[in-house]
């Protein structure tokens, strides 16, 4: 028997782990039972669909389909990132530009340096990792930027009244938001290998790949996650802060209520 194979029976038995989580939620009156069941059902359906779609794309090995799949991933990442943009208009378009640009530049460097080949089997999984990480970073950026504008609107208005430009008045908030959004990615890079064995590295080792070779791949993943998160967050933040001002460089106070 293949030690790496997962049978339907073993997969079904692993559902007992979810049952444990549901029982804990019920016992502690957390009221998360419905959320857990819904999230698990949704995850299973989504993964099954994606699995068959990827299998077809890998079999076709078509460059256009590969690019379209990457764009689809970025589209969904942007859609989810904009949900945290409470005070920002047109956050979806900003998110799409930021995440797609960051992901495209990172993929371009990886392909040109021959770190990965431009094949769907390599490009699509990598795109999912970097777009997902960028999605979290951009979402945190929106959340922090909105909170800072809301709490410091009086200070910003005073700076504007003294002749400061919107960019100058927002500079400290922009820097703070970018730093806050990158903390999870930076902390993850600091502790990789010591606290956690990331998914890609663990998966390769589990599949029987030499641990040293798996570590090389994980180092590459760490580089690309930091790169994409930084690029996407900087682009998103500098596009988003402008939405707090009108055409006359005035703070739109109504948007912060």
Protein backbone atom coordinates (compact mmCIF):
# COMPACT_ATOMS: atom_id res chain seq x y z
CA UNK A 1 0.00 0.00 0.00
CA UNK A 2 1.27 3.48 -0.88
CA UNK A 3 2.16 5.21 2.42
CA UNK A 4 1.19 8.58 0.92
CA UNK A 5 -2.28 7.56 -0.28
CA UNK A 6 -5.42 8.68 1.53
CA UNK A 7 -8.40 6.38 1.19
CA UNK A 8 -11.98 7.55 1.33
CA UNK A 9 -12.37 5.60 4.56
CA UNK A 10 -9.41 7.31 6.26
CA UNK A 11 -10.61 10.69 5.01
CA UNK A 12 -14.07 10.00 6.46
CA UNK A 13 -12.61 8.97 9.80
CA UNK A 14 -10.58 12.18 9.93
CA UNK A 15 -13.93 13.98 10.13
CA UNK A 16 -13.91 12.95 13.79
CA UNK A 17 -11.56 15.88 14.36
CA UNK A 18 -14.31 18.24 13.20
CA UNK A 19 -16.81 16.47 15.44
CA UNK A 20 -14.51 17.13 18.39
CA UNK A 21 -14.46 20.86 17.55
CA UNK A 22 -18.28 20.89 17.28
CA UNK A 23 -18.66 19.10 20.63
CA UNK A 24 -16.31 21.58 22.30
CA UNK A 25 -18.24 24.49 20.82
CA UNK A 26 -21.52 23.01 22.05
CA UNK A 27 -20.19 22.23 25.53
CA UNK A 28 -18.67 25.69 26.00
CA UNK A 29 -21.75 27.39 24.49
CA UNK A 30 -19.66 29.12 21.80
CA UNK A 31 -22.50 28.91 19.26
CA UNK A 32 -20.06 28.05 16.47
CA UNK A 33 -21.56 24.72 15.47
CA UNK A 34 -23.41 26.03 12.41
CA UNK A 35 -20.39 28.09 11.32
CA UNK A 36 -18.07 25.09 11.62
CA UNK A 37 -20.41 22.79 9.68
CA UNK A 38 -21.02 25.41 6.98
CA UNK A 39 -17.31 26.22 6.62
CA UNK A 40 -16.36 22.54 6.39
CA UNK A 41 -19.07 21.77 3.81
CA UNK A 42 -18.07 24.80 1.77
CA UNK A 43 -14.37 23.92 1.96
CA UNK A 44 -14.99 20.32 0.85
CA UNK A 45 -17.16 21.37 -2.11
CA UNK A 46 -14.75 24.11 -3.17
CA UNK A 47 -11.71 21.83 -2.93
CA UNK A 48 -13.38 19.05 -4.91
CA UNK A 49 -14.35 21.47 -7.69
CA UNK A 50 -10.90 23.08 -7.73
CA UNK A 51 -9.25 19.65 -7.74
CA UNK A 52 -11.05 18.56 -10.91
CA UNK A 53 -10.54 21.96 -12.55
CA UNK A 54 -6.80 21.87 -11.84
CA UNK A 55 -6.57 18.30 -13.07
CA UNK A 56 -8.07 19.38 -16.40
CA UNK A 57 -5.83 22.47 -16.66
CA UNK A 58 -2.71 20.47 -15.85
CA UNK A 59 -3.63 17.94 -18.53
CA UNK A 60 -4.16 20.66 -21.16
CA UNK A 61 -0.96 22.55 -20.19
CA UNK A 62 -2.19 25.70 -21.94
CA UNK A 63 -0.48 29.05 -21.26
CA UNK A 64 -3.66 31.11 -21.75
CA UNK A 65 -5.62 28.95 -19.31
CA UNK A 66 -2.76 29.25 -16.83
CA UNK A 67 -2.84 33.06 -17.00
CA UNK A 68 -6.65 33.08 -16.70
CA UNK A 69 -6.44 30.88 -13.61
CA UNK A 70 -3.90 33.22 -12.04
CA UNK A 71 -6.19 36.18 -12.75
CA UNK A 72 -9.13 34.26 -11.26
CA UNK A 73 -7.12 33.68 -8.07
CA UNK A 74 -6.18 37.37 -7.87
CA UNK A 75 -9.81 38.36 -8.51
CA UNK A 76 -11.04 36.27 -5.60
CA UNK A 77 -8.23 37.49 -3.35
CA UNK A 78 -9.15 41.11 -4.17
CA UNK A 79 -12.83 40.43 -3.52
CA UNK A 80 -12.10 39.05 -0.07
CA UNK A 81 -9.54 41.76 0.79
CA UNK A 82 -12.02 44.56 0.09
CA UNK A 83 -14.39 43.23 2.75
CA UNK A 84 -12.19 44.89 5.39
CA UNK A 85 -12.41 48.30 3.71
CA UNK A 86 -15.09 49.84 5.90
CA UNK A 87 -14.24 53.47 5.06
CA UNK A 88 -12.80 53.06 1.55
CA UNK A 89 -14.73 53.40 -1.70
CA UNK A 90 -13.82 51.30 -4.74
CA UNK A 91 -11.65 49.06 -2.57
CA UNK A 92 -12.15 46.12 -4.92
CA UNK A 93 -10.48 47.83 -7.87
CA UNK A 94 -7.64 48.98 -5.62
CA UNK A 95 -7.22 45.47 -4.23
CA UNK A 96 -7.26 43.93 -7.71
CA UNK A 97 -4.59 46.32 -8.99
CA UNK A 98 -2.40 45.86 -5.90
CA UNK A 99 -2.64 42.07 -5.60
CA UNK A 100 -2.39 41.39 -9.33
CA UNK A 101 0.62 43.70 -9.71
CA UNK A 102 2.41 42.20 -6.72
CA UNK A 103 1.69 38.63 -7.82
CA UNK A 104 2.61 39.30 -11.47
CA UNK A 105 5.95 40.90 -10.62
CA UNK A 106 6.85 38.10 -8.21
CA UNK A 107 5.89 35.39 -10.72
CA UNK A 108 7.82 37.20 -13.46
CA UNK A 109 11.00 37.21 -11.36
CA UNK A 110 10.57 33.56 -10.39
CA UNK A 111 10.05 32.49 -14.02
CA UNK A 112 12.88 34.63 -15.44
CA UNK A 113 15.33 33.35 -12.81
CA UNK A 114 14.15 29.79 -13.58
CA UNK A 115 13.18 29.23 -9.97
CA UNK A 116 9.95 27.84 -11.38
CA UNK A 117 8.83 26.85 -14.88
CA UNK A 118 5.89 28.52 -16.58
CA UNK A 119 3.67 25.46 -16.35
CA UNK A 120 0.24 25.31 -14.70
CA UNK A 121 1.48 22.69 -12.21
CA UNK A 122 3.96 25.20 -10.79
CA UNK A 123 2.54 28.64 -11.55
CA UNK A 124 -1.00 28.07 -10.24
CA UNK A 125 -0.09 26.70 -6.76
CA UNK A 126 2.53 29.44 -6.32
CA UNK A 127 -0.04 32.05 -7.38
CA UNK A 128 -2.46 30.75 -4.78
CA UNK A 129 0.14 31.07 -2.02
CA UNK A 130 1.29 34.58 -2.86
CA UNK A 131 -2.17 35.96 -3.67
CA UNK A 132 -3.59 34.51 -0.44
CA UNK A 133 -0.81 36.08 1.61
CA UNK A 134 -1.23 39.41 -0.19
CA UNK A 135 -4.98 39.25 0.43
CA UNK A 136 -4.44 39.04 4.20
CA UNK A 137 -1.85 41.84 4.16
CA UNK A 138 -4.01 44.19 2.07
CA UNK A 139 -7.06 43.47 4.24
CA UNK A 140 -5.08 44.32 7.39
CA UNK A 141 -3.83 47.47 5.69
CA UNK A 142 -7.38 48.64 4.94
CA UNK A 143 -8.53 47.90 8.46
CA UNK A 144 -5.63 49.73 10.11
CA UNK A 145 -5.75 52.67 7.68
CA UNK A 146 -9.47 53.20 8.25
CA UNK A 147 -9.11 53.05 12.03
CA UNK A 148 -6.24 55.55 12.02
CA UNK A 149 -8.11 58.01 9.79
CA UNK A 150 -11.16 57.68 12.01
CA UNK A 151 -9.26 58.26 15.26
CA UNK A 152 -6.96 61.03 13.96
CA UNK A 153 -9.28 63.00 11.72
CA UNK A 154 -9.00 66.12 13.90
CA UNK A 155 -5.21 66.06 13.69
CA UNK A 156 -5.34 65.57 9.92
CA UNK A 157 -7.75 68.48 9.47
CA UNK A 158 -5.46 70.72 11.51
CA UNK A 159 -2.50 69.79 9.30
CA UNK A 160 -4.53 70.45 6.16
CA UNK A 161 -5.64 73.85 7.50
CA UNK A 162 -1.97 74.77 7.99
CA UNK A 163 -1.26 74.05 4.32
CA UNK A 164 -0.14 70.43 4.39
CA UNK A 165 -0.89 68.29 1.35
CA UNK A 166 -3.06 65.16 1.77
CA UNK A 167 0.01 62.99 1.18
CA UNK A 168 2.02 64.78 3.87
CA UNK A 169 -0.89 64.74 6.33
CA UNK A 170 -1.37 61.01 5.74
CA UNK A 171 2.29 59.97 5.69
CA UNK A 172 2.46 58.72 9.29
CA UNK A 173 -0.81 56.80 8.89
CA UNK A 174 0.36 55.20 5.65
CA UNK A 175 3.66 54.06 7.15
CA UNK A 176 1.92 52.72 10.26
CA UNK A 177 -0.65 50.82 8.19
CA UNK A 178 1.99 49.25 5.95
CA UNK A 179 4.02 48.15 8.97
CA UNK A 180 0.97 46.70 10.73
CA UNK A 181 -0.14 44.76 7.65
CA UNK A 182 3.30 43.19 7.15
CA UNK A 183 3.76 42.05 10.77
CA UNK A 184 2.18 38.56 10.24
CA UNK A 185 4.35 37.88 7.18
CA UNK A 186 7.52 39.17 8.84
CA UNK A 187 6.85 37.22 12.06
CA UNK A 188 6.18 34.09 10.02
CA UNK A 189 9.53 34.51 8.24
CA UNK A 190 11.31 34.97 11.58
CA UNK A 191 9.97 31.74 13.05
CA UNK A 192 9.93 29.48 9.98
CA UNK A 193 11.68 26.22 10.78
CA UNK A 194 11.84 26.99 14.51
CA UNK A 195 8.18 27.30 15.45
CA UNK A 196 6.47 26.01 12.34
CA UNK A 197 7.23 23.80 9.36
CA UNK A 198 5.27 25.52 6.57
CA UNK A 199 2.87 23.72 4.28
CA UNK A 200 5.05 23.51 1.18
CA UNK A 201 8.08 22.22 3.07
CA UNK A 202 6.03 19.75 5.10
CA UNK A 203 4.23 18.54 1.98
CA UNK A 204 7.47 17.90 0.11
CA UNK A 205 9.01 16.07 3.07
CA UNK A 206 5.81 14.05 3.50
CA UNK A 207 6.01 13.12 -0.19
CA UNK A 208 9.52 11.74 0.31
CA UNK A 209 11.59 14.66 -1.04
CA UNK A 210 15.03 15.23 0.48
CA UNK A 211 14.57 17.70 3.41
CA UNK A 212 17.47 19.86 2.19
CA UNK A 213 15.79 20.26 -1.22
CA UNK A 214 12.46 20.95 0.48
CA UNK A 215 14.15 23.69 2.53
CA UNK A 216 15.40 25.37 -0.67
CA UNK A 217 11.83 25.52 -1.95
CA UNK A 218 10.63 26.91 1.37
CA UNK A 219 13.30 29.63 1.32
CA UNK A 220 12.07 30.61 -2.14
CA UNK A 221 8.49 30.66 -0.83
CA UNK A 222 9.52 32.91 2.08
CA UNK A 223 11.17 35.34 -0.34
CA UNK A 224 8.16 35.49 -2.64
CA UNK A 225 5.63 35.90 0.20
CA UNK A 226 7.54 38.85 1.64
CA UNK A 227 7.94 40.38 -1.82
CA UNK A 228 4.30 40.08 -2.85
CA UNK A 229 2.91 41.20 0.51
CA UNK A 230 5.19 44.26 0.54
CA UNK A 231 4.45 45.29 -3.04
CA UNK A 232 0.70 44.71 -2.78
CA UNK A 233 0.37 46.52 0.54
CA UNK A 234 2.37 49.56 -0.55
CA UNK A 235 0.36 49.89 -3.78
CA UNK A 236 -2.97 49.39 -1.99
CA UNK A 237 -2.14 51.83 0.81
CA UNK A 238 -1.00 54.63 -1.49
CA UNK A 239 -4.09 54.20 -3.67
CA UNK A 240 -6.49 53.85 -0.74
CA UNK A 241 -5.48 56.89 1.32
CA UNK A 242 -6.61 59.19 -1.50
CA UNK A 243 -10.17 57.95 -1.07
CA UNK A 244 -10.36 59.81 2.27
CA UNK A 245 -10.00 63.17 0.48
CA UNK A 246 -12.11 64.95 -2.11
CA UNK A 247 -10.97 66.77 -5.25
CA UNK A 248 -10.25 69.92 -3.21
CA UNK A 249 -7.84 68.06 -0.91
CA UNK A 250 -10.30 68.12 1.97
CA UNK A 251 -10.86 65.24 4.37
CA UNK A 252 -14.22 63.57 3.69
CA UNK A 253 -15.47 63.48 7.27
CA UNK A 254 -18.81 61.90 6.30
CA UNK A 255 -16.98 58.76 5.18
CA UNK A 256 -15.46 58.29 8.64
CA UNK A 257 -18.77 58.18 10.53
